[in-house]
């Protein structure tokens, strides 16, 4: 690649990446994927700028930890609330009693 092409590519990544990152920061307190947008912008910027790569690696490690914790909690929740894993309790079955009046 020529120097002009590299410069144009860096400028393009910067022109798209920075506003995307700013949008992600704005979306953080609002409902929506603010952190994911910030991460996507950081990944885009790190393609051309080596200074962003350590931040991408650190955030990726943190995201993997969060995913692992979420999976563990979801598994515990499903094990606790899964009706198939619980034994049926016969004492809670409805009791039917006949209340017929004697006929004359």
C-alpha atoms as a PDB file:
ATOM      1  CA  UNK A   1       0.000   0.000   0.000  1.00  0.00           C
ATOM      2  CA  UNK A   2       1.181   3.473  -0.701  1.00  0.00           C
ATOM      3  CA  UNK A   3       1.533   6.086   1.988  1.00  0.00           C
ATOM      4  CA  UNK A   4      -1.463   7.995   0.649  1.00  0.00           C
ATOM      5  CA  UNK A   5      -3.668   4.908   0.834  1.00  0.00           C
ATOM      6  CA  UNK A   6      -2.552   4.191   4.407  1.00  0.00           C
ATOM      7  CA  UNK A   7      -3.252   7.777   5.410  1.00  0.00           C
ATOM      8  CA  UNK A   8      -6.699   7.724   3.817  1.00  0.00           C
ATOM      9  CA  UNK A   9      -7.488   4.432   5.553  1.00  0.00           C
ATOM     10  CA  UNK A  10      -6.376   5.798   8.949  1.00  0.00           C
ATOM     11  CA  UNK A  11      -8.461   8.929   8.459  1.00  0.00           C
ATOM     12  CA  UNK A  12     -11.485   6.845   7.437  1.00  0.00           C
ATOM     13  CA  UNK A  13     -11.150   4.632  10.502  1.00  0.00           C
ATOM     14  CA  UNK A  14     -10.761   7.700  12.679  1.00  0.00           C
ATOM     15  CA  UNK A  15     -13.733   9.490  11.077  1.00  0.00           C
ATOM     16  CA  UNK A  16     -15.982   6.449  11.666  1.00  0.00           C
ATOM     17  CA  UNK A  17     -14.486   5.195  14.951  1.00  0.00           C
ATOM     18  CA  UNK A  18     -14.479   8.347  17.058  1.00  0.00           C
ATOM     19  CA  UNK A  19     -18.138   9.307  16.467  1.00  0.00           C
ATOM     20  CA  UNK A  20     -19.112   5.667  17.032  1.00  0.00           C
ATOM     21  CA  UNK A  21     -17.258   5.697  20.347  1.00  0.00           C
ATOM     22  CA  UNK A  22     -18.904   8.991  21.342  1.00  0.00           C
ATOM     23  CA  UNK A  23     -22.306   7.522  20.436  1.00  0.00           C
ATOM     24  CA  UNK A  24     -21.535   4.519  22.623  1.00  0.00           C
ATOM     25  CA  UNK A  25     -20.627   6.776  25.552  1.00  0.00           C
ATOM     26  CA  UNK A  26     -23.911   8.634  25.098  1.00  0.00           C
ATOM     27  CA  UNK A  27     -25.818   5.338  25.015  1.00  0.00           C
ATOM     28  CA  UNK A  28     -24.305   4.009  28.252  1.00  0.00           C
ATOM     29  CA  UNK A  29     -26.876   5.598  30.597  1.00  0.00           C
ATOM     30  CA  UNK A  30     -29.692   5.096  28.089  1.00  0.00           C
ATOM     31  CA  UNK A  31     -31.378   1.776  27.387  1.00  0.00           C
ATOM     32  CA  UNK A  32     -29.404   0.092  24.664  1.00  0.00           C
ATOM     33  CA  UNK A  33     -26.083  -1.471  23.866  1.00  0.00           C
ATOM     34  CA  UNK A  34     -23.844   1.442  24.854  1.00  0.00           C
ATOM     35  CA  UNK A  35     -20.933  -0.633  26.097  1.00  0.00           C
ATOM     36  CA  UNK A  36     -21.020  -2.877  23.048  1.00  0.00           C
ATOM     37  CA  UNK A  37     -20.997   0.149  20.728  1.00  0.00           C
ATOM     38  CA  UNK A  38     -17.997   1.558  22.608  1.00  0.00           C
ATOM     39  CA  UNK A  39     -16.223  -1.786  22.337  1.00  0.00           C
ATOM     40  CA  UNK A  40     -16.982  -2.056  18.614  1.00  0.00           C
ATOM     41  CA  UNK A  41     -15.619   1.448  18.050  1.00  0.00           C
ATOM     42  CA  UNK A  42     -12.501   0.622  20.023  1.00  0.00           C
ATOM     43  CA  UNK A  43     -11.953  -2.544  17.977  1.00  0.00           C
ATOM     44  CA  UNK A  44     -12.355  -0.520  14.790  1.00  0.00           C
ATOM     45  CA  UNK A  45      -9.891   2.113  15.963  1.00  0.00           C
ATOM     46  CA  UNK A  46      -7.404  -0.543  17.107  1.00  0.00           C
ATOM     47  CA  UNK A  47      -7.219  -1.892  13.559  1.00  0.00           C
ATOM     48  CA  UNK A  48      -5.169   1.136  12.579  1.00  0.00           C
ATOM     49  CA  UNK A  49      -3.862   2.569  15.842  1.00  0.00           C
ATOM     50  CA  UNK A  50      -1.640   0.376  18.014  1.00  0.00           C
ATOM     51  CA  UNK A  51      -2.308   2.529  21.082  1.00  0.00           C
ATOM     52  CA  UNK A  52      -5.853   1.146  21.322  1.00  0.00           C
ATOM     53  CA  UNK A  53      -4.901  -2.552  21.183  1.00  0.00           C
ATOM     54  CA  UNK A  54      -4.034  -2.973  24.904  1.00  0.00           C
ATOM     55  CA  UNK A  55      -7.408  -1.490  25.812  1.00  0.00           C
ATOM     56  CA  UNK A  56      -9.186  -3.912  23.481  1.00  0.00           C
ATOM     57  CA  UNK A  57      -7.411  -6.890  25.044  1.00  0.00           C
ATOM     58  CA  UNK A  58      -8.200  -5.730  28.582  1.00  0.00           C
ATOM     59  CA  UNK A  59     -11.873  -5.114  27.777  1.00  0.00           C
ATOM     60  CA  UNK A  60     -12.139  -8.457  25.957  1.00  0.00           C
ATOM     61  CA  UNK A  61     -10.829 -10.256  29.068  1.00  0.00           C
ATOM     62  CA  UNK A  62     -13.354  -8.446  31.260  1.00  0.00           C
ATOM     63  CA  UNK A  63     -16.192  -9.251  28.860  1.00  0.00           C
ATOM     64  CA  UNK A  64     -15.231 -12.937  28.884  1.00  0.00           C
ATOM     65  CA  UNK A  65     -15.306 -12.925  32.694  1.00  0.00           C
ATOM     66  CA  UNK A  66     -18.757 -11.339  32.688  1.00  0.00           C
ATOM     67  CA  UNK A  67     -20.035 -13.907  30.176  1.00  0.00           C
ATOM     68  CA  UNK A  68     -18.647 -16.770  32.265  1.00  0.00           C
ATOM     69  CA  UNK A  69     -20.262 -15.400  35.442  1.00  0.00           C
ATOM     70  CA  UNK A  70     -23.575 -14.962  33.612  1.00  0.00           C
ATOM     71  CA  UNK A  71     -23.485 -18.522  32.305  1.00  0.00           C
ATOM     72  CA  UNK A  72     -22.738 -19.873  35.771  1.00  0.00           C
ATOM     73  CA  UNK A  73     -25.595 -17.907  37.333  1.00  0.00           C
ATOM     74  CA  UNK A  74     -27.993 -18.931  34.577  1.00  0.00           C
ATOM     75  CA  UNK A  75     -27.083 -22.575  35.057  1.00  0.00           C
ATOM     76  CA  UNK A  76     -27.599 -22.317  38.829  1.00  0.00           C
ATOM     77  CA  UNK A  77     -30.940 -20.603  38.280  1.00  0.00           C
ATOM     78  CA  UNK A  78     -32.145 -23.200  35.797  1.00  0.00           C
ATOM     79  CA  UNK A  79     -31.020 -26.043  38.074  1.00  0.00           C
ATOM     80  CA  UNK A  80     -32.887 -24.485  40.974  1.00  0.00           C
ATOM     81  CA  UNK A  81     -36.113 -23.751  39.066  1.00  0.00           C
ATOM     82  CA  UNK A  82     -36.233 -26.679  36.646  1.00  0.00           C
ATOM     83  CA  UNK A  83     -39.493 -28.610  37.255  1.00  0.00           C
ATOM     84  CA  UNK A  84     -38.059 -31.804  35.758  1.00  0.00           C
ATOM     85  CA  UNK A  85     -35.307 -31.991  38.354  1.00  0.00           C
ATOM     86  CA  UNK A  86     -37.672 -31.628  41.293  1.00  0.00           C
ATOM     87  CA  UNK A  87     -39.394 -34.707  42.657  1.00  0.00           C
ATOM     88  CA  UNK A  88     -43.206 -34.580  42.666  1.00  0.00           C
ATOM     89  CA  UNK A  89     -44.672 -33.929  46.075  1.00  0.00           C
ATOM     90  CA  UNK A  90     -47.769 -36.036  46.760  1.00  0.00           C
ATOM     91  CA  UNK A  91     -48.812 -34.043  49.823  1.00  0.00           C
ATOM     92  CA  UNK A  92     -49.613 -30.978  47.735  1.00  0.00           C
ATOM     93  CA  UNK A  93     -52.023 -32.752  45.426  1.00  0.00           C
ATOM     94  CA  UNK A  94     -55.599 -31.505  45.720  1.00  0.00           C
ATOM     95  CA  UNK A  95     -57.725 -33.625  48.010  1.00  0.00           C
ATOM     96  CA  UNK A  96     -61.137 -34.482  46.716  1.00  0.00           C
ATOM     97  CA  UNK A  97     -63.803 -35.215  49.238  1.00  0.00           C
ATOM     98  CA  UNK A  98     -67.286 -36.184  48.396  1.00  0.00           C
ATOM     99  CA  UNK A  99     -69.904 -33.950  49.978  1.00  0.00           C
ATOM    100  CA  UNK A 100     -73.016 -35.549  48.574  1.00  0.00           C
ATOM    101  CA  UNK A 101     -76.161 -35.165  50.587  1.00  0.00           C
ATOM    102  CA  UNK A 102     -77.946 -38.379  51.343  1.00  0.00           C
ATOM    103  CA  UNK A 103     -81.045 -38.848  49.272  1.00  0.00           C
ATOM    104  CA  UNK A 104     -84.368 -39.941  50.831  1.00  0.00           C
END
